[in-house]
N, C-alpha and C. Protein backbone atom coordinates (compact mmCIF):
# COMPACT_ATOMS: atom_id res chain seq x y z
N MET A 1 24.15 408.82 39.42
CA MET A 1 23.30 407.82 38.80
C MET A 1 23.27 406.61 39.70
N GLU A 2 22.12 406.22 40.13
CA GLU A 2 22.00 405.06 40.99
C GLU A 2 21.12 404.02 40.32
N PHE A 3 21.48 402.79 40.52
CA PHE A 3 20.68 401.69 40.01
C PHE A 3 20.09 400.98 41.21
N VAL A 4 18.80 400.79 41.21
CA VAL A 4 18.11 400.22 42.36
C VAL A 4 17.54 398.85 41.98
N CYS A 5 17.77 397.87 42.83
CA CYS A 5 17.23 396.55 42.56
C CYS A 5 15.75 396.50 42.96
N LYS A 6 15.07 395.41 42.63
CA LYS A 6 13.63 395.30 42.85
C LYS A 6 13.21 395.51 44.30
N GLU A 7 14.06 395.13 45.23
CA GLU A 7 13.69 395.29 46.64
C GLU A 7 13.86 396.74 47.09
N GLY A 8 14.37 397.61 46.21
CA GLY A 8 14.53 399.01 46.55
C GLY A 8 15.85 399.32 47.25
N VAL A 9 16.79 398.38 47.26
CA VAL A 9 18.08 398.59 47.90
C VAL A 9 19.10 398.97 46.83
N GLU A 10 19.82 400.05 47.08
CA GLU A 10 20.86 400.46 46.14
C GLU A 10 21.91 399.37 46.06
N HIS A 11 22.28 399.00 44.83
CA HIS A 11 23.30 397.97 44.73
C HIS A 11 24.46 398.37 43.83
N MET A 12 24.37 399.44 43.12
CA MET A 12 25.49 399.91 42.32
C MET A 12 25.26 401.38 42.04
N LYS A 13 26.31 402.15 42.09
CA LYS A 13 26.19 403.57 41.80
C LYS A 13 27.30 403.97 40.83
N ILE A 14 26.93 404.62 39.74
CA ILE A 14 27.93 405.18 38.83
C ILE A 14 28.24 406.56 39.37
N VAL A 15 29.49 406.75 39.82
CA VAL A 15 29.87 408.00 40.46
C VAL A 15 30.52 408.98 39.49
N LEU A 16 30.99 408.48 38.34
CA LEU A 16 31.60 409.36 37.34
C LEU A 16 31.67 408.62 36.01
N VAL A 17 31.33 409.33 34.95
CA VAL A 17 31.56 408.85 33.59
C VAL A 17 32.53 409.84 32.98
N ARG A 18 33.70 409.37 32.57
CA ARG A 18 34.77 410.25 32.09
C ARG A 18 35.23 409.82 30.71
N VAL A 19 35.44 410.83 29.85
CA VAL A 19 36.06 410.61 28.55
C VAL A 19 37.52 411.00 28.70
N ASP A 20 38.41 410.04 28.47
CA ASP A 20 39.84 410.28 28.57
C ASP A 20 40.54 409.26 27.69
N ASP A 21 41.17 409.72 26.62
CA ASP A 21 41.75 408.76 25.68
C ASP A 21 42.95 408.01 26.25
N ARG A 22 43.40 408.41 27.43
CA ARG A 22 44.49 407.68 28.10
C ARG A 22 43.96 406.56 28.97
N LEU A 23 42.64 406.52 29.16
CA LEU A 23 41.95 405.52 29.99
C LEU A 23 42.46 405.59 31.43
N ILE A 24 43.02 404.52 31.98
CA ILE A 24 43.51 404.56 33.37
C ILE A 24 44.96 405.00 33.35
N HIS A 25 45.24 406.09 34.02
CA HIS A 25 46.60 406.61 34.16
C HIS A 25 46.66 407.34 35.50
N GLY A 26 47.78 407.93 35.84
CA GLY A 26 47.96 408.53 37.16
C GLY A 26 46.86 409.47 37.60
N GLN A 27 46.49 410.41 36.72
CA GLN A 27 45.47 411.42 37.06
C GLN A 27 44.13 410.76 37.35
N VAL A 28 43.75 409.78 36.54
CA VAL A 28 42.49 409.06 36.76
C VAL A 28 42.61 408.16 37.98
N ALA A 29 43.70 407.40 38.01
CA ALA A 29 43.87 406.41 39.06
C ALA A 29 43.88 407.04 40.45
N LEU A 30 44.56 408.16 40.59
CA LEU A 30 44.65 408.76 41.91
C LEU A 30 43.68 409.91 42.10
N GLY A 31 43.77 410.91 41.26
CA GLY A 31 42.95 412.11 41.44
C GLY A 31 41.46 411.85 41.35
N TRP A 32 41.00 411.32 40.23
CA TRP A 32 39.55 411.15 40.04
C TRP A 32 38.97 410.04 40.91
N THR A 33 39.69 408.95 41.05
CA THR A 33 39.18 407.83 41.86
C THR A 33 38.94 408.30 43.30
N ARG A 34 39.91 409.01 43.85
CA ARG A 34 39.77 409.51 45.23
C ARG A 34 38.67 410.57 45.31
N ASN A 35 38.65 411.46 44.32
CA ASN A 35 37.69 412.57 44.34
C ASN A 35 36.24 412.09 44.39
N VAL A 36 35.94 411.02 43.66
CA VAL A 36 34.55 410.54 43.61
C VAL A 36 34.32 409.31 44.48
N GLY A 37 35.36 408.82 45.13
CA GLY A 37 35.22 407.66 45.99
C GLY A 37 34.91 406.38 45.24
N ALA A 38 35.47 406.26 44.03
CA ALA A 38 35.22 405.06 43.22
C ALA A 38 35.88 403.83 43.83
N THR A 39 35.15 402.71 43.79
CA THR A 39 35.71 401.44 44.25
C THR A 39 35.93 400.47 43.08
N HIS A 40 35.47 400.88 41.89
CA HIS A 40 35.58 400.01 40.72
C HIS A 40 35.66 400.90 39.47
N ILE A 41 36.67 400.68 38.65
CA ILE A 41 36.81 401.40 37.38
C ILE A 41 36.41 400.44 36.26
N VAL A 42 35.45 400.87 35.45
CA VAL A 42 35.03 400.08 34.29
C VAL A 42 35.48 400.83 33.04
N VAL A 43 36.38 400.21 32.28
CA VAL A 43 36.82 400.77 31.01
C VAL A 43 35.97 400.14 29.92
N ALA A 44 35.29 400.99 29.15
CA ALA A 44 34.47 400.51 28.03
C ALA A 44 35.17 400.90 26.73
N ASP A 45 35.86 399.93 26.14
CA ASP A 45 36.65 400.20 24.94
C ASP A 45 36.81 398.91 24.14
N ASP A 46 36.31 398.92 22.92
CA ASP A 46 36.35 397.71 22.09
C ASP A 46 37.77 397.25 21.79
N GLU A 47 38.65 398.18 21.45
CA GLU A 47 40.02 397.83 21.08
C GLU A 47 40.79 397.22 22.25
N VAL A 48 40.75 397.87 23.39
CA VAL A 48 41.49 397.38 24.56
C VAL A 48 40.90 396.07 25.07
N ALA A 49 39.59 395.90 24.96
CA ALA A 49 38.96 394.67 25.43
C ALA A 49 39.47 393.44 24.67
N ARG A 50 39.96 393.65 23.45
CA ARG A 50 40.51 392.53 22.65
C ARG A 50 42.01 392.33 22.83
N ASP A 51 42.66 393.19 23.61
CA ASP A 51 44.12 393.17 23.73
C ASP A 51 44.52 392.85 25.17
N ASN A 52 44.92 391.62 25.40
CA ASN A 52 45.26 391.18 26.76
C ASN A 52 46.41 391.97 27.38
N THR A 53 47.38 392.38 26.57
CA THR A 53 48.50 393.17 27.09
C THR A 53 48.01 394.52 27.58
N GLN A 54 47.18 395.19 26.78
CA GLN A 54 46.63 396.48 27.20
C GLN A 54 45.77 396.33 28.45
N LYS A 55 44.97 395.27 28.51
CA LYS A 55 44.15 395.05 29.70
C LYS A 55 45.02 394.90 30.94
N MET A 56 46.10 394.13 30.81
CA MET A 56 47.00 393.92 31.94
C MET A 56 47.63 395.25 32.38
N LEU A 57 48.05 396.07 31.42
CA LEU A 57 48.66 397.36 31.75
C LEU A 57 47.67 398.27 32.47
N LEU A 58 46.42 398.28 32.04
CA LEU A 58 45.41 399.10 32.71
C LEU A 58 45.16 398.59 34.13
N GLN A 59 45.17 397.27 34.31
CA GLN A 59 44.96 396.73 35.65
C GLN A 59 46.13 397.08 36.57
N LEU A 60 47.34 397.13 36.00
CA LEU A 60 48.51 397.53 36.79
C LEU A 60 48.43 399.00 37.19
N ALA A 61 47.79 399.83 36.38
CA ALA A 61 47.66 401.26 36.67
C ALA A 61 46.53 401.56 37.65
N THR A 62 45.72 400.56 37.96
CA THR A 62 44.59 400.74 38.87
C THR A 62 45.10 400.85 40.31
N PRO A 63 44.60 401.81 41.08
CA PRO A 63 45.07 401.96 42.46
C PRO A 63 44.77 400.73 43.32
N VAL A 64 45.61 400.50 44.30
CA VAL A 64 45.40 399.42 45.26
C VAL A 64 44.07 399.66 45.96
N GLY A 65 43.28 398.59 46.08
CA GLY A 65 41.99 398.68 46.75
C GLY A 65 40.84 399.04 45.83
N VAL A 66 41.14 399.30 44.56
CA VAL A 66 40.11 399.61 43.57
C VAL A 66 40.12 398.50 42.53
N LYS A 67 38.94 398.00 42.19
CA LYS A 67 38.84 396.97 41.16
C LYS A 67 38.81 397.63 39.80
N SER A 68 39.21 396.88 38.78
CA SER A 68 39.07 397.40 37.41
C SER A 68 38.60 396.27 36.50
N THR A 69 37.77 396.65 35.55
CA THR A 69 37.24 395.72 34.57
C THR A 69 37.31 396.39 33.22
N VAL A 70 37.82 395.67 32.23
CA VAL A 70 37.90 396.18 30.86
C VAL A 70 36.95 395.36 30.01
N LEU A 71 36.00 396.04 29.37
CA LEU A 71 34.98 395.37 28.57
C LEU A 71 34.79 396.11 27.25
N SER A 72 34.23 395.41 26.28
CA SER A 72 33.82 396.09 25.05
C SER A 72 32.69 397.05 25.44
N VAL A 73 32.40 397.99 24.57
CA VAL A 73 31.34 398.95 24.87
C VAL A 73 30.01 398.24 25.07
N SER A 74 29.70 397.29 24.22
CA SER A 74 28.41 396.60 24.35
C SER A 74 28.35 395.75 25.62
N GLU A 75 29.45 395.08 25.97
CA GLU A 75 29.48 394.30 27.21
C GLU A 75 29.35 395.21 28.43
N ALA A 76 30.05 396.34 28.39
CA ALA A 76 29.98 397.28 29.51
C ALA A 76 28.55 397.81 29.65
N ALA A 77 27.93 398.15 28.52
CA ALA A 77 26.56 398.66 28.56
C ALA A 77 25.63 397.64 29.19
N ALA A 78 25.74 396.39 28.76
CA ALA A 78 24.86 395.34 29.28
C ALA A 78 25.06 395.16 30.78
N GLN A 79 26.32 395.11 31.22
CA GLN A 79 26.59 394.88 32.64
C GLN A 79 26.22 396.08 33.50
N LEU A 80 26.48 397.29 33.00
CA LEU A 80 26.12 398.50 33.76
C LEU A 80 24.60 398.64 33.84
N ALA A 81 23.92 398.43 32.71
CA ALA A 81 22.45 398.57 32.69
C ALA A 81 21.80 397.55 33.62
N ALA A 82 22.43 396.38 33.77
CA ALA A 82 21.88 395.34 34.63
C ALA A 82 22.35 395.47 36.09
N GLY A 83 23.19 396.47 36.38
CA GLY A 83 23.67 396.66 37.74
C GLY A 83 24.55 395.54 38.24
N LYS A 84 25.43 395.03 37.37
CA LYS A 84 26.22 393.83 37.67
C LYS A 84 27.44 394.05 38.57
N PHE A 85 27.63 395.26 39.09
CA PHE A 85 28.85 395.51 39.85
C PHE A 85 28.61 395.60 41.35
N GLY A 86 27.68 394.79 41.84
CA GLY A 86 27.43 394.67 43.28
C GLY A 86 27.18 396.01 43.95
N ASN A 87 27.83 396.22 45.08
CA ASN A 87 27.68 397.45 45.85
C ASN A 87 28.74 398.49 45.49
N ASP A 88 29.41 398.29 44.36
CA ASP A 88 30.52 399.16 43.98
C ASP A 88 30.07 400.57 43.60
N ARG A 89 31.00 401.49 43.81
CA ARG A 89 30.88 402.87 43.33
C ARG A 89 31.73 402.91 42.05
N VAL A 90 31.05 402.94 40.92
CA VAL A 90 31.70 402.70 39.63
C VAL A 90 32.06 404.01 38.91
N MET A 91 33.30 404.06 38.44
CA MET A 91 33.74 405.12 37.54
C MET A 91 33.89 404.48 36.16
N VAL A 92 33.19 405.02 35.18
CA VAL A 92 33.24 404.49 33.82
C VAL A 92 34.16 405.39 33.00
N ILE A 93 35.09 404.78 32.26
CA ILE A 93 36.01 405.55 31.42
C ILE A 93 35.90 405.05 29.98
N VAL A 94 35.77 406.00 29.06
CA VAL A 94 35.75 405.70 27.63
C VAL A 94 36.73 406.63 26.92
N ARG A 95 37.07 406.29 25.67
CA ARG A 95 37.99 407.13 24.90
C ARG A 95 37.32 408.30 24.22
N GLY A 96 36.04 408.16 23.85
CA GLY A 96 35.42 409.23 23.09
C GLY A 96 33.91 409.14 23.05
N PRO A 97 33.29 410.03 22.28
CA PRO A 97 31.83 410.14 22.28
C PRO A 97 31.10 408.95 21.68
N HIS A 98 31.71 408.23 20.75
CA HIS A 98 31.03 407.07 20.16
C HIS A 98 30.77 405.99 21.21
N ALA A 99 31.71 405.80 22.11
CA ALA A 99 31.52 404.82 23.18
C ALA A 99 30.38 405.26 24.10
N LEU A 100 30.27 406.55 24.36
CA LEU A 100 29.15 407.05 25.18
C LEU A 100 27.82 406.74 24.52
N LEU A 101 27.74 406.98 23.21
CA LEU A 101 26.51 406.66 22.48
C LEU A 101 26.21 405.16 22.54
N GLY A 102 27.27 404.34 22.47
CA GLY A 102 27.10 402.89 22.57
C GLY A 102 26.56 402.48 23.93
N LEU A 103 27.02 403.14 24.99
CA LEU A 103 26.51 402.84 26.34
C LEU A 103 25.03 403.20 26.43
N ILE A 104 24.67 404.36 25.88
CA ILE A 104 23.27 404.78 25.91
C ILE A 104 22.41 403.81 25.11
N GLU A 105 22.87 403.45 23.92
CA GLU A 105 22.12 402.49 23.09
C GLU A 105 21.98 401.15 23.79
N GLY A 106 22.94 400.82 24.65
CA GLY A 106 22.91 399.56 25.39
C GLY A 106 22.09 399.63 26.67
N GLY A 107 21.45 400.77 26.94
CA GLY A 107 20.56 400.86 28.09
C GLY A 107 21.08 401.60 29.29
N VAL A 108 22.26 402.20 29.19
CA VAL A 108 22.81 402.95 30.32
C VAL A 108 22.28 404.38 30.25
N SER A 109 21.73 404.85 31.34
CA SER A 109 21.22 406.21 31.42
C SER A 109 22.36 407.14 31.81
N LEU A 110 22.78 407.98 30.88
CA LEU A 110 23.85 408.95 31.17
C LEU A 110 23.24 410.34 31.26
N THR A 111 23.42 410.96 32.40
CA THR A 111 22.90 412.32 32.57
C THR A 111 24.02 413.35 32.54
N LYS A 112 25.21 412.96 33.02
CA LYS A 112 26.33 413.89 33.09
C LYS A 112 27.62 413.15 32.75
N VAL A 113 28.46 413.79 31.93
CA VAL A 113 29.73 413.19 31.53
C VAL A 113 30.85 414.20 31.74
N ASN A 114 31.93 413.74 32.32
CA ASN A 114 33.14 414.53 32.49
C ASN A 114 34.00 414.33 31.23
N VAL A 115 34.20 415.39 30.49
CA VAL A 115 35.01 415.32 29.28
C VAL A 115 36.42 415.76 29.66
N GLY A 116 37.33 414.80 29.64
CA GLY A 116 38.70 415.08 30.08
C GLY A 116 39.64 415.31 28.92
N ASN A 117 40.50 414.38 28.68
CA ASN A 117 41.56 414.54 27.70
C ASN A 117 41.28 413.72 26.43
N VAL A 118 41.23 414.38 25.30
CA VAL A 118 41.18 413.70 24.00
C VAL A 118 42.22 414.41 23.13
N ARG A 119 43.31 413.73 22.89
CA ARG A 119 44.47 414.34 22.24
C ARG A 119 44.23 414.80 20.80
N MET A 120 45.03 415.77 20.44
CA MET A 120 45.07 416.27 19.08
C MET A 120 45.76 415.21 18.21
N ALA A 121 45.23 414.97 17.03
CA ALA A 121 45.82 414.03 16.09
C ALA A 121 45.41 414.45 14.68
N GLU A 122 45.99 413.84 13.70
CA GLU A 122 45.64 414.16 12.33
C GLU A 122 44.15 413.93 12.11
N GLY A 123 43.49 414.91 11.46
CA GLY A 123 42.07 414.80 11.20
C GLY A 123 41.19 415.32 12.32
N ARG A 124 41.82 415.79 13.39
CA ARG A 124 41.07 416.33 14.53
C ARG A 124 41.35 417.82 14.65
N GLU A 125 40.36 418.54 15.16
CA GLU A 125 40.56 419.94 15.46
C GLU A 125 40.39 420.15 16.96
N ARG A 126 41.09 421.16 17.47
CA ARG A 126 41.04 421.45 18.90
C ARG A 126 39.74 422.18 19.24
N LEU A 127 38.99 421.64 20.21
CA LEU A 127 37.75 422.27 20.66
C LEU A 127 37.96 423.04 21.97
N THR A 128 38.80 422.49 22.84
CA THR A 128 39.22 423.17 24.07
C THR A 128 40.71 422.88 24.21
N LYS A 129 41.31 423.38 25.26
CA LYS A 129 42.74 423.14 25.47
C LYS A 129 43.05 421.64 25.51
N GLU A 130 42.16 420.85 26.13
CA GLU A 130 42.43 419.41 26.31
C GLU A 130 41.64 418.49 25.38
N VAL A 131 40.70 419.02 24.61
CA VAL A 131 39.82 418.15 23.82
C VAL A 131 39.88 418.49 22.34
N ALA A 132 40.21 417.48 21.55
CA ALA A 132 40.19 417.60 20.09
C ALA A 132 39.21 416.58 19.55
N ALA A 133 38.69 416.81 18.34
CA ALA A 133 37.72 415.87 17.77
C ALA A 133 37.76 415.91 16.25
N SER A 134 37.46 414.77 15.66
CA SER A 134 37.30 414.66 14.21
C SER A 134 35.88 415.13 13.87
N PRO A 135 35.60 415.40 12.60
CA PRO A 135 34.23 415.77 12.23
C PRO A 135 33.20 414.72 12.67
N ASP A 136 33.54 413.44 12.56
CA ASP A 136 32.64 412.36 12.98
C ASP A 136 32.40 412.40 14.49
N GLU A 137 33.47 412.67 15.25
CA GLU A 137 33.34 412.77 16.71
C GLU A 137 32.52 414.00 17.10
N ILE A 138 32.68 415.09 16.37
CA ILE A 138 31.88 416.29 16.65
C ILE A 138 30.40 415.98 16.47
N GLU A 139 30.06 415.24 15.43
CA GLU A 139 28.66 414.84 15.23
C GLU A 139 28.16 413.97 16.38
N ALA A 140 29.03 413.08 16.88
CA ALA A 140 28.65 412.24 18.03
C ALA A 140 28.44 413.10 19.27
N TRP A 141 29.31 414.09 19.49
CA TRP A 141 29.13 415.01 20.62
C TRP A 141 27.80 415.74 20.49
N LYS A 142 27.47 416.16 19.27
CA LYS A 142 26.20 416.87 19.04
C LYS A 142 25.00 415.97 19.33
N LYS A 143 25.11 414.69 19.00
CA LYS A 143 24.02 413.74 19.32
C LYS A 143 23.85 413.62 20.83
N LEU A 144 24.97 413.55 21.54
CA LEU A 144 24.90 413.47 23.01
C LEU A 144 24.24 414.72 23.59
N ASP A 145 24.60 415.88 23.05
CA ASP A 145 23.99 417.13 23.48
C ASP A 145 22.49 417.10 23.21
N ALA A 146 22.10 416.64 22.02
CA ALA A 146 20.68 416.57 21.65
C ALA A 146 19.91 415.59 22.54
N LEU A 147 20.59 414.58 23.06
CA LEU A 147 19.96 413.62 23.96
C LEU A 147 19.82 414.16 25.38
N GLY A 148 20.36 415.35 25.61
CA GLY A 148 20.24 415.97 26.92
C GLY A 148 21.32 415.59 27.91
N VAL A 149 22.41 415.01 27.43
CA VAL A 149 23.51 414.65 28.33
C VAL A 149 24.29 415.92 28.67
N LYS A 150 24.47 416.18 29.97
CA LYS A 150 25.25 417.34 30.40
C LYS A 150 26.72 416.98 30.22
N LEU A 151 27.41 417.76 29.40
CA LEU A 151 28.82 417.54 29.11
C LEU A 151 29.64 418.63 29.79
N GLU A 152 30.55 418.20 30.65
CA GLU A 152 31.34 419.14 31.43
C GLU A 152 32.82 418.87 31.18
N ALA A 153 33.51 419.84 30.56
CA ALA A 153 34.95 419.69 30.34
C ALA A 153 35.67 420.07 31.62
N LEU A 154 36.31 419.10 32.21
CA LEU A 154 37.02 419.32 33.47
C LEU A 154 38.21 418.37 33.49
N TRP A 155 39.38 418.94 33.43
CA TRP A 155 40.59 418.13 33.30
C TRP A 155 41.03 417.55 34.63
N LEU A 156 41.04 418.37 35.67
CA LEU A 156 41.50 417.92 36.98
C LEU A 156 40.40 418.09 38.03
N PRO A 157 40.33 417.18 39.00
CA PRO A 157 39.34 417.35 40.07
C PRO A 157 39.57 418.70 40.76
N GLY A 158 38.50 419.41 41.04
CA GLY A 158 38.61 420.69 41.72
C GLY A 158 38.97 421.85 40.80
N GLY A 159 39.19 421.54 39.52
CA GLY A 159 39.53 422.60 38.57
C GLY A 159 38.29 423.36 38.14
N SER A 160 38.49 424.24 37.19
CA SER A 160 37.40 425.04 36.65
C SER A 160 36.72 424.29 35.51
N ALA A 161 35.42 424.06 35.65
CA ALA A 161 34.68 423.31 34.63
C ALA A 161 34.20 424.23 33.52
N MET A 162 34.18 423.68 32.31
CA MET A 162 33.68 424.39 31.14
C MET A 162 32.45 423.66 30.62
N ASP A 163 31.44 424.40 30.23
CA ASP A 163 30.23 423.83 29.65
C ASP A 163 30.55 423.34 28.24
N PHE A 164 30.79 422.03 28.12
CA PHE A 164 31.17 421.46 26.82
C PHE A 164 29.97 421.41 25.88
N ASN A 165 28.76 421.37 26.42
CA ASN A 165 27.57 421.45 25.56
C ASN A 165 27.61 422.76 24.76
N GLN A 166 27.98 423.87 25.43
CA GLN A 166 28.06 425.17 24.74
C GLN A 166 29.15 425.15 23.68
N VAL A 167 30.27 424.51 23.97
CA VAL A 167 31.36 424.40 22.99
C VAL A 167 30.84 423.68 21.74
N ILE A 168 30.13 422.60 21.93
CA ILE A 168 29.59 421.83 20.81
C ILE A 168 28.52 422.63 20.06
N ARG A 169 27.64 423.27 20.80
CA ARG A 169 26.57 424.05 20.15
C ARG A 169 27.10 425.20 19.32
N SER A 170 28.21 425.80 19.76
CA SER A 170 28.76 426.95 19.03
C SER A 170 29.67 426.52 17.88
N HIS A 171 29.93 425.21 17.78
CA HIS A 171 30.79 424.72 16.69
C HIS A 171 30.01 424.76 15.38
N ARG A 172 30.65 425.25 14.36
CA ARG A 172 29.99 425.39 13.05
C ARG A 172 29.52 424.10 12.48
């Protein structure tokens, strides 16, 4: 996904949109950042954006030489849609499908999403080995599928990808 300014010069590129309820951690910080050549990680999460301690911890987990920004979903959508991250190669991380819908509603064009880790918890059912969802989250995944977003379940860079759209479509 590339955002082009009026003069026709590329000024920001989203290189990966990933769903991972752990947000920035070792696998994201090292594996995915290197794999896609990200220079800036944007975390779009309402809860963490309000928690200075969590923001600080995520910034500490960010690899040296990579910038990180933690914003609410609506703030992230506005800044991404406006191409506010200069010449950066941006990796966007969210916790779940509702944040993805919020980004789309805020003007961000999402064509492909990497669905990583969403832990099992009370009220959630396992959809793949690494992804669990509540009934409400399943409906959000179905909305993303209906919007034409390509959903690819891929836990590790270079691993075997699963068509998460098919997983959602086959869910009762």
